[in-house]
C-alpha atoms as a PDB file:
ATOM      1  CA  UNK A   1      -4.801  12.278  13.317  1.00  0.00           C
ATOM      2  CA  UNK A   2      -3.276   9.884  15.657  1.00  0.00           C
ATOM      3  CA  UNK A   3      -4.729   7.555  18.249  1.00  0.00           C
ATOM      4  CA  UNK A   4      -4.305   4.225  20.183  1.00  0.00           C
ATOM      5  CA  UNK A   5      -6.611   1.063  19.267  1.00  0.00           C
ATOM      6  CA  UNK A   6      -9.186  -0.305  21.732  1.00  0.00           C
ATOM      7  CA  UNK A   7      -7.918  -2.115  24.751  1.00  0.00           C
ATOM      8  CA  UNK A   8     -11.320  -3.844  24.946  1.00  0.00           C
ATOM      9  CA  UNK A   9     -11.579  -5.014  21.235  1.00  0.00           C
ATOM     10  CA  UNK A  10      -8.734  -6.548  19.528  1.00  0.00           C
ATOM     11  CA  UNK A  11      -8.832  -6.498  15.557  1.00  0.00           C
ATOM     12  CA  UNK A  12      -6.257  -7.963  13.478  1.00  0.00           C
ATOM     13  CA  UNK A  13      -5.231  -9.070   9.970  1.00  0.00           C
ATOM     14  CA  UNK A  14      -6.264 -12.753   9.814  1.00  0.00           C
ATOM     15  CA  UNK A  15      -5.795 -13.302   5.839  1.00  0.00           C
ATOM     16  CA  UNK A  16      -3.182 -12.018   3.425  1.00  0.00           C
ATOM     17  CA  UNK A  17      -3.044 -12.358  -0.234  1.00  0.00           C
ATOM     18  CA  UNK A  18      -1.094 -10.688  -3.086  1.00  0.00           C
ATOM     19  CA  UNK A  19      -0.871 -10.791  -6.862  1.00  0.00           C
ATOM     20  CA  UNK A  20       1.130  -9.215  -9.583  1.00  0.00           C
ATOM     21  CA  UNK A  21       1.134  -9.376 -13.272  1.00  0.00           C
ATOM     22  CA  UNK A  22       3.216 -12.100 -15.203  1.00  0.00           C
ATOM     23  CA  UNK A  23       5.123  -9.718 -17.256  1.00  0.00           C
ATOM     24  CA  UNK A  24       8.570  -8.626 -15.987  1.00  0.00           C
ATOM     25  CA  UNK A  25       9.992  -5.398 -17.383  1.00  0.00           C
ATOM     26  CA  UNK A  26      13.606  -4.971 -16.614  1.00  0.00           C
ATOM     27  CA  UNK A  27      15.709  -1.845 -16.474  1.00  0.00           C
ATOM     28  CA  UNK A  28      17.399  -2.760 -19.708  1.00  0.00           C
ATOM     29  CA  UNK A  29      13.986  -3.117 -21.488  1.00  0.00           C
ATOM     30  CA  UNK A  30      13.075   0.577 -20.291  1.00  0.00           C
ATOM     31  CA  UNK A  31      16.400   1.792 -21.746  1.00  0.00           C
ATOM     32  CA  UNK A  32      14.770   0.994 -25.210  1.00  0.00           C
ATOM     33  CA  UNK A  33      12.050   3.857 -24.342  1.00  0.00           C
ATOM     34  CA  UNK A  34      13.975   6.471 -22.694  1.00  0.00           C
ATOM     35  CA  UNK A  35      17.697   7.545 -22.051  1.00  0.00           C
ATOM     36  CA  UNK A  36      18.577   5.523 -19.099  1.00  0.00           C
ATOM     37  CA  UNK A  37      20.618   2.234 -17.981  1.00  0.00           C
ATOM     38  CA  UNK A  38      20.277  -0.494 -15.495  1.00  0.00           C
ATOM     39  CA  UNK A  39      23.176   1.156 -13.565  1.00  0.00           C
ATOM     40  CA  UNK A  40      21.519   4.656 -13.468  1.00  0.00           C
ATOM     41  CA  UNK A  41      18.114   3.198 -12.246  1.00  0.00           C
ATOM     42  CA  UNK A  42      19.780   0.975  -9.604  1.00  0.00           C
ATOM     43  CA  UNK A  43      22.011   3.703  -8.321  1.00  0.00           C
ATOM     44  CA  UNK A  44      19.332   6.109  -7.964  1.00  0.00           C
ATOM     45  CA  UNK A  45      16.255   4.037  -6.870  1.00  0.00           C
ATOM     46  CA  UNK A  46      17.290   0.409  -6.335  1.00  0.00           C
ATOM     47  CA  UNK A  47      14.865  -0.935  -8.666  1.00  0.00           C
ATOM     48  CA  UNK A  48      15.957  -3.703 -11.053  1.00  0.00           C
ATOM     49  CA  UNK A  49      12.596  -4.838 -12.499  1.00  0.00           C
ATOM     50  CA  UNK A  50       8.964  -4.318 -12.104  1.00  0.00           C
ATOM     51  CA  UNK A  51       5.706  -6.055 -13.123  1.00  0.00           C
ATOM     52  CA  UNK A  52       3.512  -4.589 -15.887  1.00  0.00           C
ATOM     53  CA  UNK A  53      -0.035  -5.450 -16.517  1.00  0.00           C
ATOM     54  CA  UNK A  54      -1.276  -6.923 -19.865  1.00  0.00           C
ATOM     55  CA  UNK A  55      -3.287  -4.564 -22.042  1.00  0.00           C
ATOM     56  CA  UNK A  56      -6.405  -6.578 -21.035  1.00  0.00           C
ATOM     57  CA  UNK A  57      -5.797  -6.759 -17.288  1.00  0.00           C
ATOM     58  CA  UNK A  58      -7.226  -3.883 -15.060  1.00  0.00           C
ATOM     59  CA  UNK A  59      -7.236  -3.397 -11.376  1.00  0.00           C
ATOM     60  CA  UNK A  60      -9.736  -6.097 -10.562  1.00  0.00           C
ATOM     61  CA  UNK A  61      -8.036  -8.714 -12.380  1.00  0.00           C
ATOM     62  CA  UNK A  62      -5.239  -8.556 -10.201  1.00  0.00           C
ATOM     63  CA  UNK A  63      -7.317  -7.633  -7.022  1.00  0.00           C
ATOM     64  CA  UNK A  64      -9.763 -10.549  -7.394  1.00  0.00           C
ATOM     65  CA  UNK A  65      -7.180 -13.421  -6.860  1.00  0.00           C
ATOM     66  CA  UNK A  66      -5.416 -11.527  -4.061  1.00  0.00           C
ATOM     67  CA  UNK A  67      -8.909 -11.254  -2.278  1.00  0.00           C
ATOM     68  CA  UNK A  68      -9.560 -14.999  -2.491  1.00  0.00           C
ATOM     69  CA  UNK A  69      -6.227 -15.807  -1.281  1.00  0.00           C
ATOM     70  CA  UNK A  70      -6.854 -13.490   1.539  1.00  0.00           C
ATOM     71  CA  UNK A  71     -10.235 -14.956   2.222  1.00  0.00           C
ATOM     72  CA  UNK A  72      -8.879 -18.421   2.013  1.00  0.00           C
ATOM     73  CA  UNK A  73      -6.122 -18.057   4.483  1.00  0.00           C
ATOM     74  CA  UNK A  74      -8.629 -16.216   6.959  1.00  0.00           C
ATOM     75  CA  UNK A  75     -11.107 -19.005   6.558  1.00  0.00           C
ATOM     76  CA  UNK A  76     -13.665 -16.491   5.828  1.00  0.00           C
ATOM     77  CA  UNK A  77     -16.490 -16.955   3.263  1.00  0.00           C
ATOM     78  CA  UNK A  78     -16.905 -14.003   0.869  1.00  0.00           C
ATOM     79  CA  UNK A  79     -20.566 -13.852   1.928  1.00  0.00           C
ATOM     80  CA  UNK A  80     -19.407 -13.037   5.546  1.00  0.00           C
ATOM     81  CA  UNK A  81     -17.482  -9.773   4.475  1.00  0.00           C
ATOM     82  CA  UNK A  82     -19.549  -6.780   5.445  1.00  0.00           C
ATOM     83  CA  UNK A  83     -17.117  -4.037   4.476  1.00  0.00           C
ATOM     84  CA  UNK A  84     -15.065  -4.107   1.389  1.00  0.00           C
ATOM     85  CA  UNK A  85     -12.535  -1.109   0.548  1.00  0.00           C
ATOM     86  CA  UNK A  86     -10.376  -0.807  -2.354  1.00  0.00           C
ATOM     87  CA  UNK A  87      -7.465   1.627  -2.091  1.00  0.00           C
ATOM     88  CA  UNK A  88      -6.234   2.652  -5.558  1.00  0.00           C
ATOM     89  CA  UNK A  89      -5.804   5.550  -7.785  1.00  0.00           C
ATOM     90  CA  UNK A  90      -6.314   3.321 -11.145  1.00  0.00           C
ATOM     91  CA  UNK A  91      -9.641   1.692 -10.502  1.00  0.00           C
ATOM     92  CA  UNK A  92     -11.215  -0.028 -13.480  1.00  0.00           C
ATOM     93  CA  UNK A  93     -13.363   2.950 -14.110  1.00  0.00           C
ATOM     94  CA  UNK A  94     -14.344   6.120 -12.096  1.00  0.00           C
ATOM     95  CA  UNK A  95     -17.819   4.256 -11.436  1.00  0.00           C
ATOM     96  CA  UNK A  96     -18.952   1.753 -10.706  1.00  0.00           C
ATOM     97  CA  UNK A  97     -16.375   1.368  -7.946  1.00  0.00           C
ATOM     98  CA  UNK A  98     -13.775  -1.254  -8.230  1.00  0.00           C
ATOM     99  CA  UNK A  99     -14.971  -2.164  -4.576  1.00  0.00           C
ATOM    100  CA  UNK A 100     -18.422  -2.732  -5.921  1.00  0.00           C
ATOM    101  CA  UNK A 101     -17.277  -4.931  -8.699  1.00  0.00           C
ATOM    102  CA  UNK A 102     -15.090  -7.064  -6.527  1.00  0.00           C
ATOM    103  CA  UNK A 103     -18.164  -7.336  -4.139  1.00  0.00           C
ATOM    104  CA  UNK A 104     -20.043  -8.658  -6.954  1.00  0.00           C
ATOM    105  CA  UNK A 105     -17.338 -11.084  -8.074  1.00  0.00           C
ATOM    106  CA  UNK A 106     -16.465 -12.561  -4.901  1.00  0.00           C
ATOM    107  CA  UNK A 107     -20.000 -13.072  -3.728  1.00  0.00           C
ATOM    108  CA  UNK A 108     -20.339 -10.556  -0.957  1.00  0.00           C
ATOM    109  CA  UNK A 109     -23.826  -8.948  -1.560  1.00  0.00           C
ATOM    110  CA  UNK A 110     -24.080  -7.708   1.902  1.00  0.00           C
ATOM    111  CA  UNK A 111     -20.883  -5.701   1.867  1.00  0.00           C
ATOM    112  CA  UNK A 112     -20.654  -1.932   1.834  1.00  0.00           C
ATOM    113  CA  UNK A 113     -17.967  -1.474  -1.022  1.00  0.00           C
ATOM    114  CA  UNK A 114     -16.172   1.493  -2.320  1.00  0.00           C
ATOM    115  CA  UNK A 115     -12.954   2.956  -3.351  1.00  0.00           C
ATOM    116  CA  UNK A 116     -10.607   5.219  -1.539  1.00  0.00           C
ATOM    117  CA  UNK A 117      -8.086   7.491  -3.100  1.00  0.00           C
ATOM    118  CA  UNK A 118      -5.131   8.433  -0.979  1.00  0.00           C
ATOM    119  CA  UNK A 119      -2.025   8.043  -3.374  1.00  0.00           C
ATOM    120  CA  UNK A 120       0.473   5.489  -2.175  1.00  0.00           C
ATOM    121  CA  UNK A 121      -0.841   5.880   1.238  1.00  0.00           C
ATOM    122  CA  UNK A 122      -4.067   4.350   0.198  1.00  0.00           C
ATOM    123  CA  UNK A 123      -3.624   1.074   1.958  1.00  0.00           C
ATOM    124  CA  UNK A 124      -2.786   2.871   5.131  1.00  0.00           C
ATOM    125  CA  UNK A 125      -5.921   4.957   5.163  1.00  0.00           C
ATOM    126  CA  UNK A 126      -8.091   1.965   4.266  1.00  0.00           C
ATOM    127  CA  UNK A 127      -6.742  -0.064   7.177  1.00  0.00           C
ATOM    128  CA  UNK A 128      -7.362   2.687   9.535  1.00  0.00           C
ATOM    129  CA  UNK A 129     -10.895   3.074   8.113  1.00  0.00           C
ATOM    130  CA  UNK A 130     -11.763  -0.746   8.207  1.00  0.00           C
ATOM    131  CA  UNK A 131     -10.340  -0.852  12.048  1.00  0.00           C
ATOM    132  CA  UNK A 132     -12.680   2.130  12.827  1.00  0.00           C
ATOM    133  CA  UNK A 133     -15.708   0.625  11.301  1.00  0.00           C
ATOM    134  CA  UNK A 134     -14.969  -2.842  13.113  1.00  0.00           C
ATOM    135  CA  UNK A 135     -14.209  -1.042  16.631  1.00  0.00           C
ATOM    136  CA  UNK A 136     -17.389   0.947  16.000  1.00  0.00           C
ATOM    137  CA  UNK A 137     -19.698  -2.297  15.417  1.00  0.00           C
ATOM    138  CA  UNK A 138     -20.820  -1.098  12.058  1.00  0.00           C
ATOM    139  CA  UNK A 139     -19.000  -4.139  10.467  1.00  0.00           C
ATOM    140  CA  UNK A 140     -17.781  -7.228  11.623  1.00  0.00           C
ATOM    141  CA  UNK A 141     -15.209  -8.908   8.864  1.00  0.00           C
ATOM    142  CA  UNK A 142     -13.776  -6.372   6.306  1.00  0.00           C
ATOM    143  CA  UNK A 143     -11.741  -6.895   3.209  1.00  0.00           C
ATOM    144  CA  UNK A 144      -9.150  -4.236   2.499  1.00  0.00           C
ATOM    145  CA  UNK A 145      -7.334  -4.067  -0.903  1.00  0.00           C
ATOM    146  CA  UNK A 146      -4.530  -1.973  -2.103  1.00  0.00           C
ATOM    147  CA  UNK A 147      -3.407  -1.855  -5.550  1.00  0.00           C
ATOM    148  CA  UNK A 148      -2.641   0.097  -8.832  1.00  0.00           C
ATOM    149  CA  UNK A 149      -2.055  -0.363 -12.436  1.00  0.00           C
ATOM    150  CA  UNK A 150       0.244   2.659 -12.692  1.00  0.00           C
ATOM    151  CA  UNK A 151       1.437   1.709 -15.913  1.00  0.00           C
ATOM    152  CA  UNK A 152      -1.651   3.018 -17.586  1.00  0.00           C
ATOM    153  CA  UNK A 153      -1.125   6.500 -16.493  1.00  0.00           C
ATOM    154  CA  UNK A 154       2.689   6.675 -17.048  1.00  0.00           C
ATOM    155  CA  UNK A 155       4.395   8.799 -19.987  1.00  0.00           C
ATOM    156  CA  UNK A 156       6.817   6.074 -21.450  1.00  0.00           C
ATOM    157  CA  UNK A 157       8.868   9.106 -22.765  1.00  0.00           C
ATOM    158  CA  UNK A 158       9.469  10.491 -19.338  1.00  0.00           C
ATOM    159  CA  UNK A 159      12.494   8.828 -17.459  1.00  0.00           C
ATOM    160  CA  UNK A 160      11.504  10.539 -13.994  1.00  0.00           C
ATOM    161  CA  UNK A 161       8.539   8.600 -13.765  1.00  0.00           C
ATOM    162  CA  UNK A 162       8.757   5.799 -15.904  1.00  0.00           C
ATOM    163  CA  UNK A 163      11.653   3.926 -13.929  1.00  0.00           C
ATOM    164  CA  UNK A 164       9.832   4.072 -10.645  1.00  0.00           C
ATOM    165  CA  UNK A 165       6.596   2.562 -10.943  1.00  0.00           C
ATOM    166  CA  UNK A 166       5.057  -0.861 -11.275  1.00  0.00           C
ATOM    167  CA  UNK A 167       1.659  -2.755 -11.132  1.00  0.00           C
ATOM    168  CA  UNK A 168       0.468  -4.962  -8.443  1.00  0.00           C
ATOM    169  CA  UNK A 169      -2.242  -5.642  -5.650  1.00  0.00           C
ATOM    170  CA  UNK A 170      -2.499  -7.185  -2.235  1.00  0.00           C
ATOM    171  CA  UNK A 171      -5.428  -7.831   0.059  1.00  0.00           C
ATOM    172  CA  UNK A 172      -5.984  -8.404   3.781  1.00  0.00           C
ATOM    173  CA  UNK A 173      -8.960  -9.715   6.128  1.00  0.00           C
ATOM    174  CA  UNK A 174      -9.654  -7.803   9.219  1.00  0.00           C
ATOM    175  CA  UNK A 175     -11.605  -9.119  12.033  1.00  0.00           C
ATOM    176  CA  UNK A 176     -11.878  -9.479  15.757  1.00  0.00           C
ATOM    177  CA  UNK A 177      -9.360 -11.685  17.662  1.00  0.00           C
ATOM    178  CA  UNK A 178      -8.602 -12.717  21.127  1.00  0.00           C
ATOM    179  CA  UNK A 179      -5.766 -10.913  21.601  1.00  0.00           C
ATOM    180  CA  UNK A 180      -2.961  -8.807  19.768  1.00  0.00           C
ATOM    181  CA  UNK A 181      -3.876  -6.896  16.435  1.00  0.00           C
ATOM    182  CA  UNK A 182      -3.625  -3.222  15.822  1.00  0.00           C
ATOM    183  CA  UNK A 183      -2.246  -0.914  18.507  1.00  0.00           C
ATOM    184  CA  UNK A 184      -2.679   2.464  16.705  1.00  0.00           C
ATOM    185  CA  UNK A 185      -2.616   4.710  13.730  1.00  0.00           C
ATOM    186  CA  UNK A 186      -1.298   7.870  12.720  1.00  0.00           C
ATOM    187  CA  UNK A 187      -2.588   9.546   9.350  1.00  0.00           C
ATOM    188  CA  UNK A 188      -1.995  13.033   7.771  1.00  0.00           C
ATOM    189  CA  UNK A 189      -2.097  15.235   4.702  1.00  0.00           C
ATOM    190  CA  UNK A 190      -0.142  17.995   3.382  1.00  0.00           C
ATOM    191  CA  UNK A 191      -2.468  19.367   0.606  1.00  0.00           C
ATOM    192  CA  UNK A 192      -0.105  22.257  -0.237  1.00  0.00           C
ATOM    193  CA  UNK A 193       2.407  19.883  -1.451  1.00  0.00           C
ATOM    194  CA  UNK A 194       0.104  18.211  -3.776  1.00  0.00           C
ATOM    195  CA  UNK A 195       1.285  19.935  -6.660  1.00  0.00           C
ATOM    196  CA  UNK A 196       4.460  18.031  -6.633  1.00  0.00           C
ATOM    197  CA  UNK A 197       2.723  14.644  -7.414  1.00  0.00           C
ATOM    198  CA  UNK A 198      -0.370  14.774  -9.509  1.00  0.00           C
ATOM    199  CA  UNK A 199      -2.339  13.785 -12.308  1.00  0.00           C
ATOM    200  CA  UNK A 200      -3.628  16.773 -13.998  1.00  0.00           C
ATOM    201  CA  UNK A 201      -6.867  16.564 -16.193  1.00  0.00           C
ATOM    202  CA  UNK A 202      -8.268  13.563 -14.309  1.00  0.00           C
ATOM    203  CA  UNK A 203     -11.178  15.243 -12.716  1.00  0.00           C
ATOM    204  CA  UNK A 204     -13.557  18.092 -13.008  1.00  0.00           C
ATOM    205  CA  UNK A 205     -10.776  20.777 -12.848  1.00  0.00           C
ATOM    206  CA  UNK A 206      -9.735  21.961 -16.391  1.00  0.00           C
ATOM    207  CA  UNK A 207      -5.936  21.937 -16.840  1.00  0.00           C
ATOM    208  CA  UNK A 208      -4.151  23.426 -19.855  1.00  0.00           C
ATOM    209  CA  UNK A 209      -1.313  20.942 -19.559  1.00  0.00           C
ATOM    210  CA  UNK A 210      -3.115  17.666 -18.993  1.00  0.00           C
ATOM    211  CA  UNK A 211      -2.152  14.838 -21.166  1.00  0.00           C
ATOM    212  CA  UNK A 212      -3.316  11.824 -18.931  1.00  0.00           C
ATOM    213  CA  UNK A 213       0.168  11.260 -17.321  1.00  0.00           C
ATOM    214  CA  UNK A 214       1.452  11.714 -13.915  1.00  0.00           C
ATOM    215  CA  UNK A 215       3.557  14.618 -13.269  1.00  0.00           C
ATOM    216  CA  UNK A 216       6.028  14.494 -10.272  1.00  0.00           C
ATOM    217  CA  UNK A 217       8.671  16.874  -8.822  1.00  0.00           C
ATOM    218  CA  UNK A 218      11.093  14.233  -7.759  1.00  0.00           C
ATOM    219  CA  UNK A 219      13.453  16.314  -5.599  1.00  0.00           C
ATOM    220  CA  UNK A 220      10.495  17.710  -3.574  1.00  0.00           C
ATOM    221  CA  UNK A 221       8.605  14.444  -3.117  1.00  0.00           C
ATOM    222  CA  UNK A 222      11.894  12.802  -1.866  1.00  0.00           C
ATOM    223  CA  UNK A 223      12.421  15.576   0.728  1.00  0.00           C
ATOM    224  CA  UNK A 224       8.689  15.060   1.741  1.00  0.00           C
ATOM    225  CA  UNK A 225       9.146  11.388   2.025  1.00  0.00           C
ATOM    226  CA  UNK A 226      12.226  11.283   3.909  1.00  0.00           C
ATOM    227  CA  UNK A 227      10.864  13.538   6.392  1.00  0.00           C
ATOM    228  CA  UNK A 228       7.344  12.179   7.172  1.00  0.00           C
ATOM    229  CA  UNK A 229       8.106   8.391   7.053  1.00  0.00           C
ATOM    230  CA  UNK A 230      10.314   9.045  10.035  1.00  0.00           C
ATOM    231  CA  UNK A 231       7.873  11.751  11.699  1.00  0.00           C
ATOM    232  CA  UNK A 232       4.750   9.579  11.348  1.00  0.00           C
ATOM    233  CA  UNK A 233       6.706   6.427  12.806  1.00  0.00           C
ATOM    234  CA  UNK A 234       8.122   8.249  15.562  1.00  0.00           C
ATOM    235  CA  UNK A 235       4.652   9.966  16.554  1.00  0.00           C
ATOM    236  CA  UNK A 236       2.898   6.693  16.451  1.00  0.00           C
ATOM    237  CA  UNK A 237       5.497   4.715  18.507  1.00  0.00           C
ATOM    238  CA  UNK A 238       5.416   7.743  21.089  1.00  0.00           C
ATOM    239  CA  UNK A 239       1.654   7.382  21.273  1.00  0.00           C
ATOM    240  CA  UNK A 240       1.745   3.675  21.746  1.00  0.00           C
ATOM    241  CA  UNK A 241       4.376   4.106  24.412  1.00  0.00           C
ATOM    242  CA  UNK A 242       6.770   1.380  22.321  1.00  0.00           C
ATOM    243  CA  UNK A 243      10.254   1.697  21.574  1.00  0.00           C
ATOM    244  CA  UNK A 244      11.609   1.322  18.202  1.00  0.00           C
ATOM    245  CA  UNK A 245      13.791  -1.717  19.652  1.00  0.00           C
ATOM    246  CA  UNK A 246      10.564  -3.448  20.140  1.00  0.00           C
ATOM    247  CA  UNK A 247       9.911  -3.446  16.424  1.00  0.00           C
ATOM    248  CA  UNK A 248      10.341  -6.723  14.889  1.00  0.00           C
ATOM    249  CA  UNK A 249       9.363  -5.917  11.332  1.00  0.00           C
ATOM    250  CA  UNK A 250       9.289  -2.602   9.486  1.00  0.00           C
ATOM    251  CA  UNK A 251       7.400  -2.380   6.229  1.00  0.00           C
ATOM    252  CA  UNK A 252       7.954   1.099   4.660  1.00  0.00           C
ATOM    253  CA  UNK A 253       6.142   1.999   1.429  1.00  0.00           C
ATOM    254  CA  UNK A 254       8.337   0.729  -1.410  1.00  0.00           C
ATOM    255  CA  UNK A 255       9.020   3.832  -3.212  1.00  0.00           C
ATOM    256  CA  UNK A 256      13.007   4.020  -3.749  1.00  0.00           C
ATOM    257  CA  UNK A 257      15.443   2.195  -1.813  1.00  0.00           C
ATOM    258  CA  UNK A 258      17.189   5.529  -0.781  1.00  0.00           C
ATOM    259  CA  UNK A 259      14.219   6.785   0.881  1.00  0.00           C
ATOM    260  CA  UNK A 260      13.773   3.363   2.722  1.00  0.00           C
ATOM    261  CA  UNK A 261      17.577   3.397   3.758  1.00  0.00           C
ATOM    262  CA  UNK A 262      17.226   6.959   5.067  1.00  0.00           C
ATOM    263  CA  UNK A 263      14.016   6.176   7.176  1.00  0.00           C
ATOM    264  CA  UNK A 264      15.669   2.960   8.399  1.00  0.00           C
ATOM    265  CA  UNK A 265      18.950   4.739   9.773  1.00  0.00           C
ATOM    266  CA  UNK A 266      16.762   7.749  11.075  1.00  0.00           C
ATOM    267  CA  UNK A 267      14.573   5.418  13.151  1.00  0.00           C
ATOM    268  CA  UNK A 268      17.443   3.152  14.054  1.00  0.00           C
ATOM    269  CA  UNK A 269      15.964  -0.223  12.975  1.00  0.00           C
ATOM    270  CA  UNK A 270      18.465  -2.694  12.046  1.00  0.00           C
ATOM    271  CA  UNK A 271      18.509  -3.610   8.241  1.00  0.00           C
ATOM    272  CA  UNK A 272      17.634  -7.127   9.009  1.00  0.00           C
ATOM    273  CA  UNK A 273      14.053  -6.084  10.384  1.00  0.00           C
ATOM    274  CA  UNK A 274      13.295  -3.975   7.248  1.00  0.00           C
ATOM    275  CA  UNK A 275      11.154  -5.464   4.291  1.00  0.00           C
ATOM    276  CA  UNK A 276      12.438  -4.485   0.865  1.00  0.00           C
ATOM    277  CA  UNK A 277      10.904  -5.567  -2.547  1.00  0.00           C
ATOM    278  CA  UNK A 278      11.201  -2.276  -4.581  1.00  0.00           C
ATOM    279  CA  UNK A 279      13.960  -3.983  -6.241  1.00  0.00           C
ATOM    280  CA  UNK A 280      11.708  -6.568  -7.874  1.00  0.00           C
ATOM    281  CA  UNK A 281       8.356  -4.647  -7.914  1.00  0.00           C
ATOM    282  CA  UNK A 282       9.110  -0.895  -8.279  1.00  0.00           C
ATOM    283  CA  UNK A 283       6.600   1.174  -6.472  1.00  0.00           C
ATOM    284  CA  UNK A 284       3.292  -0.172  -6.751  1.00  0.00           C
ATOM    285  CA  UNK A 285       1.578   2.643  -5.033  1.00  0.00           C
ATOM    286  CA  UNK A 286      -1.458   1.430  -2.834  1.00  0.00           C
ATOM    287  CA  UNK A 287      -0.098  -2.205  -3.618  1.00  0.00           C
ATOM    288  CA  UNK A 288       3.357  -1.510  -1.978  1.00  0.00           C
ATOM    289  CA  UNK A 289       2.785  -2.304   1.635  1.00  0.00           C
ATOM    290  CA  UNK A 290       0.367  -5.273   1.140  1.00  0.00           C
ATOM    291  CA  UNK A 291       2.884  -6.674  -1.403  1.00  0.00           C
ATOM    292  CA  UNK A 292       5.727  -6.256   1.201  1.00  0.00           C
ATOM    293  CA  UNK A 293       3.913  -7.912   4.031  1.00  0.00           C
ATOM    294  CA  UNK A 294       3.138 -10.986   1.472  1.00  0.00           C
ATOM    295  CA  UNK A 295       6.663 -11.213   0.974  1.00  0.00           C
ATOM    296  CA  UNK A 296       7.397 -10.943   4.853  1.00  0.00           C
ATOM    297  CA  UNK A 297       4.864 -13.779   5.342  1.00  0.00           C
ATOM    298  CA  UNK A 298       6.547 -15.915   2.534  1.00  0.00           C
ATOM    299  CA  UNK A 299      10.080 -15.809   4.188  1.00  0.00           C
ATOM    300  CA  UNK A 300       8.548 -16.698   7.348  1.00  0.00           C
ATOM    301  CA  UNK A 301       9.157 -13.458   9.366  1.00  0.00           C
ATOM    302  CA  UNK A 302       5.520 -12.828  10.508  1.00  0.00           C
ATOM    303  CA  UNK A 303       4.627 -14.818  13.770  1.00  0.00           C
ATOM    304  CA  UNK A 304       2.188 -14.908  16.536  1.00  0.00           C
ATOM    305  CA  UNK A 305       2.943 -11.674  18.304  1.00  0.00           C
ATOM    306  CA  UNK A 306       5.556 -10.053  15.848  1.00  0.00           C
ATOM    307  CA  UNK A 307       5.343  -6.438  16.227  1.00  0.00           C
ATOM    308  CA  UNK A 308       5.017  -4.815  12.822  1.00  0.00           C
ATOM    309  CA  UNK A 309       5.482  -1.192  12.031  1.00  0.00           C
ATOM    310  CA  UNK A 310       3.902  -0.159   8.529  1.00  0.00           C
ATOM    311  CA  UNK A 311       4.368   3.476   7.243  1.00  0.00           C
ATOM    312  CA  UNK A 312       3.481   4.799   3.659  1.00  0.00           C
ATOM    313  CA  UNK A 313       3.293   8.228   2.068  1.00  0.00           C
ATOM    314  CA  UNK A 314       2.278   9.377  -1.478  1.00  0.00           C
ATOM    315  CA  UNK A 315       0.106  11.736  -3.398  1.00  0.00           C
ATOM    316  CA  UNK A 316      -1.861  14.282  -1.781  1.00  0.00           C
ATOM    317  CA  UNK A 317       0.723  14.642  -0.113  1.00  0.00           C
ATOM    318  CA  UNK A 318      -0.582  12.173   2.460  1.00  0.00           C
ATOM    319  CA  UNK A 319       1.275  10.007   4.891  1.00  0.00           C
ATOM    320  CA  UNK A 320       0.094   7.120   7.528  1.00  0.00           C
ATOM    321  CA  UNK A 321       1.674   4.617   9.820  1.00  0.00           C
ATOM    322  CA  UNK A 322      -0.021   1.497  11.751  1.00  0.00           C
ATOM    323  CA  UNK A 323       1.472  -0.603  14.440  1.00  0.00           C
ATOM    324  CA  UNK A 324       0.330  -4.055  14.959  1.00  0.00           C
ATOM    325  CA  UNK A 325       0.986  -7.060  16.943  1.00  0.00           C
ATOM    326  CA  UNK A 326       0.806 -10.107  14.230  1.00  0.00           C
ATOM    327  CA  UNK A 327      -1.723 -12.822  14.829  1.00  0.00           C
ATOM    328  CA  UNK A 328      -2.098 -16.254  13.435  1.00  0.00           C
ATOM    329  CA  UNK A 329      -5.763 -17.550  13.215  1.00  0.00           C
ATOM    330  CA  UNK A 330      -6.635 -20.804  13.701  1.00  0.00           C
ATOM    331  CA  UNK A 331      -8.860 -22.226  10.762  1.00  0.00           C
END
């Protein structure tokens, strides 16, 4: 799926918030659980530490302050939100949705609220859905959350997955603006590759080897990621008739620094235009891109008119890209 945004109605991110757990887990600490070392992890992933939720912290405990920060920045009252999408694979529970829980906690009684599952690409899918709802006139102000508490579904004796992931959440407000905003989206899925990154036994399908933990074929996921991050970005830039040289800030999914470096070199984006925080947070799945956006904002890299390219990939196997001109809302 690929397409340009409407030229008649400009929709943009007007508020941004993020939250990570307080607990920092270093590579040295992980070496107490599995046979690994700081050097081994950094060399292969670029990750030095990650945030891990406390036993009593669920997804909405991280998402709620992120949502409030985004709403405050946008100058939007929670009751004005009429669409709330939570992209996650680790909701508080299967139902009620974390979206419905957050809508109640925030005080957004008129909002359509639900969860969306597209693995690490979830935030990109949710952005596109929210854009479509607003562009179609079904909603006027949307709150999009991306976040996960992956530490709950990791096998702490499996080095191949334990060292990669962390917990965190981010949120953005979407609404109509005078100019700028989203220019286009590209989304896709390759279900045949789903077997390479899965959580067996988490649904209605009976699976003999289910133990409640993430299963990943790292080699195949790496090959997929390095291919689709580049292909998706290239396709969207071509669709929007934009040169890679025009991109001011590139926000890739923070899965692995080797994947990011590969995509950066293939696309031809100077490293100083790339946002990288995987070293501090690890792979936070749906929280990855909004957390990176929050870091870019904190570093003063997002200004009025800044051209931002976001690209994600994850379980499904899925991928997705968005291109936008950043806007600063006067509140």
